[in-house]
C-alpha atoms as a PDB file:
ATOM      1  CA  UNK A   1      -0.175   3.668  29.029  1.00  0.00           C
ATOM      2  CA  UNK A   2       3.116   5.550  29.289  1.00  0.00           C
ATOM      3  CA  UNK A   3       3.574   5.286  25.525  1.00  0.00           C
ATOM      4  CA  UNK A   4       0.107   6.748  25.045  1.00  0.00           C
ATOM      5  CA  UNK A   5       0.876   9.741  27.227  1.00  0.00           C
ATOM      6  CA  UNK A   6       4.241  10.318  25.521  1.00  0.00           C
ATOM      7  CA  UNK A   7       2.570  10.206  22.094  1.00  0.00           C
ATOM      8  CA  UNK A   8      -0.173  12.571  23.278  1.00  0.00           C
ATOM      9  CA  UNK A   9       2.429  15.067  24.515  1.00  0.00           C
ATOM     10  CA  UNK A  10       4.392  14.798  21.250  1.00  0.00           C
ATOM     11  CA  UNK A  11       1.172  15.252  19.273  1.00  0.00           C
ATOM     12  CA  UNK A  12       0.309  18.346  21.310  1.00  0.00           C
ATOM     13  CA  UNK A  13       3.794  19.788  20.744  1.00  0.00           C
ATOM     14  CA  UNK A  14       3.372  19.017  17.039  1.00  0.00           C
ATOM     15  CA  UNK A  15       0.477  21.471  16.890  1.00  0.00           C
ATOM     16  CA  UNK A  16       2.985  24.272  17.427  1.00  0.00           C
ATOM     17  CA  UNK A  17       6.093  22.851  15.710  1.00  0.00           C
ATOM     18  CA  UNK A  18       5.688  22.421  11.957  1.00  0.00           C
ATOM     19  CA  UNK A  19       8.330  19.673  11.702  1.00  0.00           C
ATOM     20  CA  UNK A  20       6.650  17.410  14.256  1.00  0.00           C
ATOM     21  CA  UNK A  21       3.525  15.714  12.874  1.00  0.00           C
ATOM     22  CA  UNK A  22       0.457  15.793  15.093  1.00  0.00           C
ATOM     23  CA  UNK A  23      -1.898  13.267  13.507  1.00  0.00           C
ATOM     24  CA  UNK A  24       0.329  10.157  13.621  1.00  0.00           C
ATOM     25  CA  UNK A  25       1.059  10.755  17.295  1.00  0.00           C
ATOM     26  CA  UNK A  26      -2.629  11.230  18.115  1.00  0.00           C
ATOM     27  CA  UNK A  27      -3.528   8.027  16.252  1.00  0.00           C
ATOM     28  CA  UNK A  28      -0.743   6.202  18.076  1.00  0.00           C
ATOM     29  CA  UNK A  29      -2.057   7.629  21.350  1.00  0.00           C
ATOM     30  CA  UNK A  30      -5.498   6.219  20.565  1.00  0.00           C
ATOM     31  CA  UNK A  31      -3.989   2.812  19.806  1.00  0.00           C
ATOM     32  CA  UNK A  32      -1.926   2.773  23.002  1.00  0.00           C
ATOM     33  CA  UNK A  33      -4.882   3.879  25.125  1.00  0.00           C
ATOM     34  CA  UNK A  34      -7.147   1.285  23.477  1.00  0.00           C
ATOM     35  CA  UNK A  35      -4.754  -1.425  24.681  1.00  0.00           C
ATOM     36  CA  UNK A  36      -4.041  -0.014  28.134  1.00  0.00           C
ATOM     37  CA  UNK A  37      -6.957   2.118  29.321  1.00  0.00           C
ATOM     38  CA  UNK A  38     -10.479   1.922  27.860  1.00  0.00           C
ATOM     39  CA  UNK A  39     -11.390   4.983  29.935  1.00  0.00           C
ATOM     40  CA  UNK A  40      -8.659   7.151  28.374  1.00  0.00           C
ATOM     41  CA  UNK A  41      -9.406   5.781  24.902  1.00  0.00           C
ATOM     42  CA  UNK A  42     -13.082   6.673  25.368  1.00  0.00           C
ATOM     43  CA  UNK A  43     -12.096  10.150  26.565  1.00  0.00           C
ATOM     44  CA  UNK A  44      -9.840  10.650  23.534  1.00  0.00           C
ATOM     45  CA  UNK A  45     -12.306   9.516  20.870  1.00  0.00           C
ATOM     46  CA  UNK A  46     -15.001  11.727  22.374  1.00  0.00           C
ATOM     47  CA  UNK A  47     -12.946  14.903  22.042  1.00  0.00           C
ATOM     48  CA  UNK A  48     -14.753  17.314  19.696  1.00  0.00           C
ATOM     49  CA  UNK A  49     -11.715  18.063  17.496  1.00  0.00           C
ATOM     50  CA  UNK A  50      -9.813  14.771  17.611  1.00  0.00           C
ATOM     51  CA  UNK A  51     -12.587  12.237  18.071  1.00  0.00           C
ATOM     52  CA  UNK A  52     -14.039  12.157  14.535  1.00  0.00           C
ATOM     53  CA  UNK A  53     -10.592  11.820  12.948  1.00  0.00           C
ATOM     54  CA  UNK A  54      -9.637   8.967  15.284  1.00  0.00           C
ATOM     55  CA  UNK A  55     -12.962   7.184  14.831  1.00  0.00           C
ATOM     56  CA  UNK A  56     -12.724   7.456  11.023  1.00  0.00           C
ATOM     57  CA  UNK A  57      -9.245   5.962  11.113  1.00  0.00           C
ATOM     58  CA  UNK A  58     -10.050   3.195  13.611  1.00  0.00           C
ATOM     59  CA  UNK A  59     -13.309   2.115  11.983  1.00  0.00           C
ATOM     60  CA  UNK A  60     -12.678   2.683   8.283  1.00  0.00           C
ATOM     61  CA  UNK A  61      -9.010   3.553   7.753  1.00  0.00           C
ATOM     62  CA  UNK A  62     -10.279   6.762   6.177  1.00  0.00           C
ATOM     63  CA  UNK A  63      -9.105  10.370   6.044  1.00  0.00           C
ATOM     64  CA  UNK A  64     -11.454  13.311   5.473  1.00  0.00           C
ATOM     65  CA  UNK A  65     -11.187  15.467   2.372  1.00  0.00           C
ATOM     66  CA  UNK A  66     -10.357  18.571   4.410  1.00  0.00           C
ATOM     67  CA  UNK A  67      -7.548  16.735   6.244  1.00  0.00           C
ATOM     68  CA  UNK A  68      -6.134  15.541   2.913  1.00  0.00           C
ATOM     69  CA  UNK A  69      -6.166  19.061   1.476  1.00  0.00           C
ATOM     70  CA  UNK A  70      -4.714  20.659   4.604  1.00  0.00           C
ATOM     71  CA  UNK A  71      -1.924  18.114   4.915  1.00  0.00           C
ATOM     72  CA  UNK A  72      -1.093  18.426   1.211  1.00  0.00           C
ATOM     73  CA  UNK A  73      -0.846  22.214   1.322  1.00  0.00           C
ATOM     74  CA  UNK A  74       1.251  22.182   4.497  1.00  0.00           C
ATOM     75  CA  UNK A  75       3.557  19.414   3.274  1.00  0.00           C
ATOM     76  CA  UNK A  76       4.150  21.021  -0.109  1.00  0.00           C
ATOM     77  CA  UNK A  77       4.879  24.334   1.599  1.00  0.00           C
ATOM     78  CA  UNK A  78       7.282  22.832   4.120  1.00  0.00           C
ATOM     79  CA  UNK A  79       9.060  20.598   1.617  1.00  0.00           C
ATOM     80  CA  UNK A  80       9.305  23.431  -0.930  1.00  0.00           C
ATOM     81  CA  UNK A  81      10.825  25.719   1.675  1.00  0.00           C
ATOM     82  CA  UNK A  82      13.348  23.027   2.584  1.00  0.00           C
ATOM     83  CA  UNK A  83      14.264  22.367  -1.035  1.00  0.00           C
ATOM     84  CA  UNK A  84      14.533  26.029  -2.046  1.00  0.00           C
ATOM     85  CA  UNK A  85      16.091  27.745   0.937  1.00  0.00           C
ATOM     86  CA  UNK A  86      18.152  25.147   2.791  1.00  0.00           C
ATOM     87  CA  UNK A  87      21.546  24.125   1.477  1.00  0.00           C
ATOM     88  CA  UNK A  88      21.107  20.360   1.105  1.00  0.00           C
ATOM     89  CA  UNK A  89      23.014  18.030  -1.160  1.00  0.00           C
ATOM     90  CA  UNK A  90      21.265  16.651  -4.222  1.00  0.00           C
ATOM     91  CA  UNK A  91      20.909  13.261  -2.513  1.00  0.00           C
ATOM     92  CA  UNK A  92      19.157  14.764   0.517  1.00  0.00           C
ATOM     93  CA  UNK A  93      16.861  16.757  -1.762  1.00  0.00           C
ATOM     94  CA  UNK A  94      16.022  13.547  -3.635  1.00  0.00           C
ATOM     95  CA  UNK A  95      15.224  11.795  -0.361  1.00  0.00           C
ATOM     96  CA  UNK A  96      12.980  14.719   0.640  1.00  0.00           C
ATOM     97  CA  UNK A  97      11.079  14.595  -2.657  1.00  0.00           C
ATOM     98  CA  UNK A  98      10.645  10.805  -2.457  1.00  0.00           C
ATOM     99  CA  UNK A  99       9.524  10.966   1.177  1.00  0.00           C
ATOM    100  CA  UNK A 100       7.037  13.756   0.528  1.00  0.00           C
ATOM    101  CA  UNK A 101       5.639  12.050  -2.564  1.00  0.00           C
ATOM    102  CA  UNK A 102       5.293   8.741  -0.713  1.00  0.00           C
ATOM    103  CA  UNK A 103       3.465  10.294   2.219  1.00  0.00           C
ATOM    104  CA  UNK A 104       1.125  12.219  -0.082  1.00  0.00           C
ATOM    105  CA  UNK A 105       0.406   9.052  -2.081  1.00  0.00           C
ATOM    106  CA  UNK A 106      -0.457   7.258   1.148  1.00  0.00           C
ATOM    107  CA  UNK A 107      -2.755  10.070   2.288  1.00  0.00           C
ATOM    108  CA  UNK A 108      -4.579  10.386  -1.045  1.00  0.00           C
ATOM    109  CA  UNK A 109      -5.084   6.632  -1.460  1.00  0.00           C
ATOM    110  CA  UNK A 110      -6.943   6.356   1.862  1.00  0.00           C
ATOM    111  CA  UNK A 111     -10.727   6.265   1.412  1.00  0.00           C
ATOM    112  CA  UNK A 112     -13.015   9.098   2.424  1.00  0.00           C
ATOM    113  CA  UNK A 113     -15.188   8.511   5.499  1.00  0.00           C
ATOM    114  CA  UNK A 114     -18.430   6.712   4.606  1.00  0.00           C
ATOM    115  CA  UNK A 115     -20.637   9.678   5.509  1.00  0.00           C
ATOM    116  CA  UNK A 116     -18.881  11.786   2.872  1.00  0.00           C
ATOM    117  CA  UNK A 117     -18.931   9.054   0.220  1.00  0.00           C
ATOM    118  CA  UNK A 118     -22.647   8.361   0.762  1.00  0.00           C
ATOM    119  CA  UNK A 119     -23.641  11.988   0.175  1.00  0.00           C
ATOM    120  CA  UNK A 120     -21.774  12.241  -3.122  1.00  0.00           C
ATOM    121  CA  UNK A 121     -23.721  11.514  -6.312  1.00  0.00           C
ATOM    122  CA  UNK A 122     -22.856   8.148  -7.779  1.00  0.00           C
ATOM    123  CA  UNK A 123     -20.746   8.078 -10.930  1.00  0.00           C
ATOM    124  CA  UNK A 124     -23.400   5.800 -12.365  1.00  0.00           C
ATOM    125  CA  UNK A 125     -26.341   7.842 -11.087  1.00  0.00           C
ATOM    126  CA  UNK A 126     -28.231   7.466 -14.379  1.00  0.00           C
ATOM    127  CA  UNK A 127     -27.885   3.687 -14.061  1.00  0.00           C
ATOM    128  CA  UNK A 128     -29.056   3.827 -10.443  1.00  0.00           C
ATOM    129  CA  UNK A 129     -32.178   5.768 -11.489  1.00  0.00           C
ATOM    130  CA  UNK A 130     -32.882   3.222 -14.208  1.00  0.00           C
ATOM    131  CA  UNK A 131     -32.605   0.418 -11.669  1.00  0.00           C
ATOM    132  CA  UNK A 132     -34.962   2.183  -9.307  1.00  0.00           C
ATOM    133  CA  UNK A 133     -37.504   2.659 -12.072  1.00  0.00           C
ATOM    134  CA  UNK A 134     -37.399  -1.023 -13.011  1.00  0.00           C
ATOM    135  CA  UNK A 135     -38.174  -2.234  -9.493  1.00  0.00           C
END
């Protein structure tokens, strides 16, 4: 339970500090609370802002389109600032680029939540209509 509270505090601080990520700490908080306190886990997943994100991750391993876009814009901005304005060696800059690219690849390869995927038209929508007509 202590780990959950520490992660929650770090996640809250991460809202205000751009270098400290919020989402991983909130997801870790949910995991810790799920193992130590069902009451706190229930409280956390029923929060209006955090709950849907946590539930999507726990149930489907998915990330919403808006979260993917927001994280991409913020990461590119932060990494670009670091690369352009801070005096790092070429090796450190290479590590930054590889880290940023790896994290973005991870984010963009996660599926969208089912609700979003179900409302999108199918790529084979003309085939689906043909199947419906043949029933």
